[in-house]
């Protein structure tokens, strides 16, 4: 994931921990937005890393 970036992994861990807090706090709408943003960021980073590694 993300080319093995430790910083990105830690960022996403913190992001999803905050998301989990919002789920348990019954803040479902902000949790849905965060989930969509998180999945999009992960897909975007993986896509960029995939295409960048093929050009080397």
PDB file of N, CA and C in Angstrom:
ATOM      1  N   UNK A   1       0.832  -1.189   0.000  1.00  0.00           N
ATOM      2  CA  UNK A   1       0.000   0.000   0.000  1.00  0.00           C
ATOM      3  C   UNK A   1       0.869   1.241   0.000  1.00  0.00           C
ATOM      4  N   UNK A   2       0.580   2.141  -0.872  1.00  0.00           N
ATOM      5  CA  UNK A   2       1.226   3.450  -0.951  1.00  0.00           C
ATOM      6  C   UNK A   2       2.736   3.344  -1.084  1.00  0.00           C
ATOM      7  N   UNK A   3       3.195   2.319  -1.737  1.00  0.00           N
ATOM      8  CA  UNK A   3       4.621   2.184  -1.967  1.00  0.00           C
ATOM      9  C   UNK A   3       5.413   1.932  -0.698  1.00  0.00           C
ATOM     10  N   UNK A   4       4.777   1.455   0.364  1.00  0.00           N
ATOM     11  CA  UNK A   4       5.466   1.161   1.612  1.00  0.00           C
ATOM     12  C   UNK A   4       5.775   2.383   2.448  1.00  0.00           C
ATOM     13  N   UNK A   5       5.055   3.463   2.266  1.00  0.00           N
ATOM     14  CA  UNK A   5       5.307   4.691   3.010  1.00  0.00           C
ATOM     15  C   UNK A   5       4.815   4.565   4.450  1.00  0.00           C
ATOM     16  N   UNK A   6       5.737   4.677   5.387  1.00  0.00           N
ATOM     17  CA  UNK A   6       5.374   4.598   6.801  1.00  0.00           C
ATOM     18  C   UNK A   6       4.577   5.831   7.232  1.00  0.00           C
ATOM     19  N   UNK A   7       4.920   6.992   6.710  1.00  0.00           N
ATOM     20  CA  UNK A   7       4.223   8.228   7.088  1.00  0.00           C
ATOM     21  C   UNK A   7       2.763   8.174   6.647  1.00  0.00           C
ATOM     22  N   UNK A   8       2.527   7.685   5.435  1.00  0.00           N
ATOM     23  CA  UNK A   8       1.151   7.570   4.942  1.00  0.00           C
ATOM     24  C   UNK A   8       0.370   6.564   5.771  1.00  0.00           C
ATOM     25  N   UNK A   9       0.995   5.464   6.141  1.00  0.00           N
ATOM     26  CA  UNK A   9       0.327   4.448   6.950  1.00  0.00           C
ATOM     27  C   UNK A   9      -0.072   4.995   8.311  1.00  0.00           C
ATOM     28  N   UNK A  10       0.815   5.764   8.936  1.00  0.00           N
ATOM     29  CA  UNK A  10       0.503   6.362  10.234  1.00  0.00           C
ATOM     30  C   UNK A  10      -0.603   7.401  10.090  1.00  0.00           C
ATOM     31  N   UNK A  11      -0.555   8.198   9.024  1.00  0.00           N
ATOM     32  CA  UNK A  11      -1.606   9.185   8.784  1.00  0.00           C
ATOM     33  C   UNK A  11      -2.967   8.512   8.636  1.00  0.00           C
ATOM     34  N   UNK A  12      -3.025   7.440   7.851  1.00  0.00           N
ATOM     35  CA  UNK A  12      -4.299   6.755   7.643  1.00  0.00           C
ATOM     36  C   UNK A  12      -4.773   6.061   8.920  1.00  0.00           C
ATOM     37  N   UNK A  13      -3.864   5.559   9.726  1.00  0.00           N
ATOM     38  CA  UNK A  13      -4.238   4.958  11.007  1.00  0.00           C
ATOM     39  C   UNK A  13      -4.906   5.990  11.906  1.00  0.00           C
ATOM     40  N   UNK A  14      -4.322   7.173  12.003  1.00  0.00           N
ATOM     41  CA  UNK A  14      -4.903   8.242  12.814  1.00  0.00           C
ATOM     42  C   UNK A  14      -6.236   8.692  12.224  1.00  0.00           C
ATOM     43  N   UNK A  15      -6.292   8.816  10.913  1.00  0.00           N
ATOM     44  CA  UNK A  15      -7.528   9.215  10.232  1.00  0.00           C
ATOM     45  C   UNK A  15      -8.659   8.244  10.535  1.00  0.00           C
ATOM     46  N   UNK A  16      -8.374   6.936  10.431  1.00  0.00           N
ATOM     47  CA  UNK A  16      -9.414   5.946  10.675  1.00  0.00           C
ATOM     48  C   UNK A  16      -9.734   5.802  12.163  1.00  0.00           C
ATOM     49  N   UNK A  17      -8.799   6.121  13.046  1.00  0.00           N
ATOM     50  CA  UNK A  17      -9.111   6.142  14.479  1.00  0.00           C
ATOM     51  C   UNK A  17     -10.107   7.262  14.790  1.00  0.00           C
ATOM     52  N   UNK A  18      -9.925   8.415  14.170  1.00  0.00           N
ATOM     53  CA  UNK A  18     -10.877   9.512  14.330  1.00  0.00           C
ATOM     54  C   UNK A  18     -12.224   9.116  13.743  1.00  0.00           C
ATOM     55  N   UNK A  19     -12.205   8.457  12.605  1.00  0.00           N
ATOM     56  CA  UNK A  19     -13.442   7.966  11.987  1.00  0.00           C
ATOM     57  C   UNK A  19     -14.172   7.016  12.933  1.00  0.00           C
ATOM     58  N   UNK A  20     -13.443   6.117  13.553  1.00  0.00           N
ATOM     59  CA  UNK A  20     -14.043   5.171  14.493  1.00  0.00           C
ATOM     60  C   UNK A  20     -14.676   5.899  15.675  1.00  0.00           C
ATOM     61  N   UNK A  21     -14.021   6.941  16.159  1.00  0.00           N
ATOM     62  CA  UNK A  21     -14.602   7.752  17.243  1.00  0.00           C
ATOM     63  C   UNK A  21     -15.943   8.345  16.811  1.00  0.00           C
ATOM     64  N   UNK A  22     -16.007   8.891  15.595  1.00  0.00           N
ATOM     65  CA  UNK A  22     -17.255   9.486  15.119  1.00  0.00           C
ATOM     66  C   UNK A  22     -18.356   8.434  14.973  1.00  0.00           C
ATOM     67  N   UNK A  23     -18.007   7.223  14.584  1.00  0.00           N
ATOM     68  CA  UNK A  23     -19.005   6.158  14.486  1.00  0.00           C
ATOM     69  C   UNK A  23     -19.573   5.847  15.866  1.00  0.00           C
ATOM     70  N   UNK A  24     -18.700   5.698  16.875  1.00  0.00           N
ATOM     71  CA  UNK A  24     -19.169   5.385  18.222  1.00  0.00           C
ATOM     72  C   UNK A  24     -19.893   6.559  18.877  1.00  0.00           C
ATOM     73  N   UNK A  25     -19.567   7.789  18.454  1.00  0.00           N
ATOM     74  CA  UNK A  25     -20.241   8.973  18.985  1.00  0.00           C
ATOM     75  C   UNK A  25     -21.556   9.249  18.255  1.00  0.00           C
ATOM     76  N   UNK A  26     -21.935   8.356  17.332  1.00  0.00           N
ATOM     77  CA  UNK A  26     -23.176   8.461  16.575  1.00  0.00           C
ATOM     78  C   UNK A  26     -23.222   9.713  15.700  1.00  0.00           C
ATOM     79  N   UNK A  27     -22.083  10.098  15.168  1.00  0.00           N
ATOM     80  CA  UNK A  27     -21.978  11.197  14.199  1.00  0.00           C
ATOM     81  C   UNK A  27     -21.844  10.567  12.818  1.00  0.00           C
ATOM     82  N   UNK A  28     -22.925   9.965  12.355  1.00  0.00           N
ATOM     83  CA  UNK A  28     -22.870   9.117  11.167  1.00  0.00           C
ATOM     84  C   UNK A  28     -22.571   9.875   9.888  1.00  0.00           C
ATOM     85  N   UNK A  29     -23.061  11.094   9.746  1.00  0.00           N
ATOM     86  CA  UNK A  29     -22.847  11.802   8.482  1.00  0.00           C
ATOM     87  C   UNK A  29     -21.376  12.173   8.300  1.00  0.00           C
ATOM     88  N   UNK A  30     -20.739  12.709   9.343  1.00  0.00           N
ATOM     89  CA  UNK A  30     -19.307  13.058   9.239  1.00  0.00           C
ATOM     90  C   UNK A  30     -18.487  11.776   9.054  1.00  0.00           C
ATOM     91  N   UNK A  31     -18.925  10.671   9.665  1.00  0.00           N
ATOM     92  CA  UNK A  31     -18.222   9.398   9.502  1.00  0.00           C
ATOM     93  C   UNK A  31     -18.307   8.921   8.053  1.00  0.00           C
ATOM     94  N   UNK A  32     -19.461   9.103   7.424  1.00  0.00           N
ATOM     95  CA  UNK A  32     -19.600   8.705   6.023  1.00  0.00           C
ATOM     96  C   UNK A  32     -18.707   9.548   5.113  1.00  0.00           C
ATOM     97  N   UNK A  33     -18.664  10.853   5.360  1.00  0.00           N
ATOM     98  CA  UNK A  33     -17.789  11.723   4.577  1.00  0.00           C
ATOM     99  C   UNK A  33     -16.330  11.316   4.745  1.00  0.00           C
ATOM    100  N   UNK A  34     -15.916  11.069   6.002  1.00  0.00           N
ATOM    101  CA  UNK A  34     -14.529  10.680   6.260  1.00  0.00           C
ATOM    102  C   UNK A  34     -14.199   9.346   5.608  1.00  0.00           C
ATOM    103  N   UNK A  35     -15.137   8.408   5.631  1.00  0.00           N
ATOM    104  CA  UNK A  35     -14.892   7.108   5.014  1.00  0.00           C
ATOM    105  C   UNK A  35     -14.701   7.254   3.507  1.00  0.00           C
ATOM    106  N   UNK A  36     -15.550   8.056   2.888  1.00  0.00           N
ATOM    107  CA  UNK A  36     -15.429   8.271   1.447  1.00  0.00           C
ATOM    108  C   UNK A  36     -14.106   8.958   1.109  1.00  0.00           C
ATOM    109  N   UNK A  37     -13.734   9.958   1.878  1.00  0.00           N
ATOM    110  CA  UNK A  37     -12.467  10.669   1.649  1.00  0.00           C
ATOM    111  C   UNK A  37     -11.282   9.725   1.844  1.00  0.00           C
ATOM    112  N   UNK A  38     -11.317   8.929   2.902  1.00  0.00           N
ATOM    113  CA  UNK A  38     -10.227   7.991   3.181  1.00  0.00           C
ATOM    114  C   UNK A  38     -10.048   6.957   2.093  1.00  0.00           C
ATOM    115  N   UNK A  39     -11.153   6.404   1.612  1.00  0.00           N
ATOM    116  CA  UNK A  39     -11.062   5.411   0.542  1.00  0.00           C
ATOM    117  C   UNK A  39     -10.556   6.045  -0.749  1.00  0.00           C
ATOM    118  N   UNK A  40     -11.003   7.269  -1.041  1.00  0.00           N
ATOM    119  CA  UNK A  40     -10.539   7.950  -2.243  1.00  0.00           C
ATOM    120  C   UNK A  40      -9.045   8.256  -2.163  1.00  0.00           C
ATOM    121  N   UNK A  41      -8.576   8.729  -1.007  1.00  0.00           N
ATOM    122  CA  UNK A  41      -7.147   9.045  -0.841  1.00  0.00           C
ATOM    123  C   UNK A  41      -6.302   7.784  -1.016  1.00  0.00           C
ATOM    124  N   UNK A  42      -6.726   6.679  -0.399  1.00  0.00           N
ATOM    125  CA  UNK A  42      -5.976   5.437  -0.543  1.00  0.00           C
ATOM    126  C   UNK A  42      -5.936   4.965  -1.994  1.00  0.00           C
ATOM    127  N   UNK A  43      -7.063   5.047  -2.687  1.00  0.00           N
ATOM    128  CA  UNK A  43      -7.101   4.630  -4.085  1.00  0.00           C
ATOM    129  C   UNK A  43      -6.230   5.536  -4.953  1.00  0.00           C
ATOM    130  N   UNK A  44      -6.270   6.823  -4.699  1.00  0.00           N
ATOM    131  CA  UNK A  44      -5.474   7.775  -5.466  1.00  0.00           C
ATOM    132  C   UNK A  44      -3.978   7.542  -5.263  1.00  0.00           C
ATOM    133  N   UNK A  45      -3.564   7.364  -4.023  1.00  0.00           N
ATOM    134  CA  UNK A  45      -2.146   7.131  -3.729  1.00  0.00           C
ATOM    135  C   UNK A  45      -1.677   5.820  -4.342  1.00  0.00           C
ATOM    136  N   UNK A  46      -2.492   4.767  -4.224  1.00  0.00           N
ATOM    137  CA  UNK A  46      -2.114   3.483  -4.818  1.00  0.00           C
ATOM    138  C   UNK A  46      -2.031   3.567  -6.332  1.00  0.00           C
ATOM    139  N   UNK A  47      -2.942   4.297  -6.945  1.00  0.00           N
ATOM    140  CA  UNK A  47      -2.925   4.463  -8.404  1.00  0.00           C
ATOM    141  C   UNK A  47      -1.667   5.213  -8.845  1.00  0.00           C
ATOM    142  N   UNK A  48      -1.340   6.285  -8.154  1.00  0.00           N
ATOM    143  CA  UNK A  48      -0.147   7.066  -8.491  1.00  0.00           C
ATOM    144  C   UNK A  48       1.106   6.210  -8.322  1.00  0.00           C
ATOM    145  N   UNK A  49       1.181   5.461  -7.242  1.00  0.00           N
ATOM    146  CA  UNK A  49       2.356   4.614  -7.013  1.00  0.00           C
ATOM    147  C   UNK A  49       2.468   3.508  -8.058  1.00  0.00           C
ATOM    148  N   UNK A  50       1.349   2.955  -8.472  1.00  0.00           N
ATOM    149  CA  UNK A  50       1.357   1.898  -9.479  1.00  0.00           C
ATOM    150  C   UNK A  50       1.871   2.411 -10.816  1.00  0.00           C
ATOM    151  N   UNK A  51       1.359   3.539 -11.271  1.00  0.00           N
ATOM    152  CA  UNK A  51       1.780   4.070 -12.567  1.00  0.00           C
ATOM    153  C   UNK A  51       3.197   4.634 -12.517  1.00  0.00           C
ATOM    154  N   UNK A  52       3.612   5.162 -11.361  1.00  0.00           N
ATOM    155  CA  UNK A  52       4.964   5.685 -11.247  1.00  0.00           C
ATOM    156  C   UNK A  52       5.981   4.544 -11.294  1.00  0.00           C
ATOM    157  N   UNK A  53       5.681   3.428 -10.682  1.00  0.00           N
ATOM    158  CA  UNK A  53       6.658   2.331 -10.649  1.00  0.00           C
ATOM    159  C   UNK A  53       6.821   1.671 -12.029  1.00  0.00           C
ATOM    160  N   UNK A  54       5.805   1.742 -12.900  1.00  0.00           N
ATOM    161  CA  UNK A  54       5.918   1.142 -14.223  1.00  0.00           C
ATOM    162  C   UNK A  54       6.775   1.964 -15.162  1.00  0.00           C
ATOM    163  N   UNK A  55       6.967   3.253 -14.874  1.00  0.00           N
ATOM    164  CA  UNK A  55       7.762   4.093 -15.750  1.00  0.00           C
ATOM    165  C   UNK A  55       9.242   4.004 -15.453  1.00  0.00           C
ATOM    166  N   UNK A  56       9.644   3.326 -14.392  1.00  0.00           N
ATOM    167  CA  UNK A  56      11.068   3.235 -14.036  1.00  0.00           C
ATOM    168  C   UNK A  56      11.756   2.172 -14.846  1.00  0.00           C
TER     169      UNK A  56
END
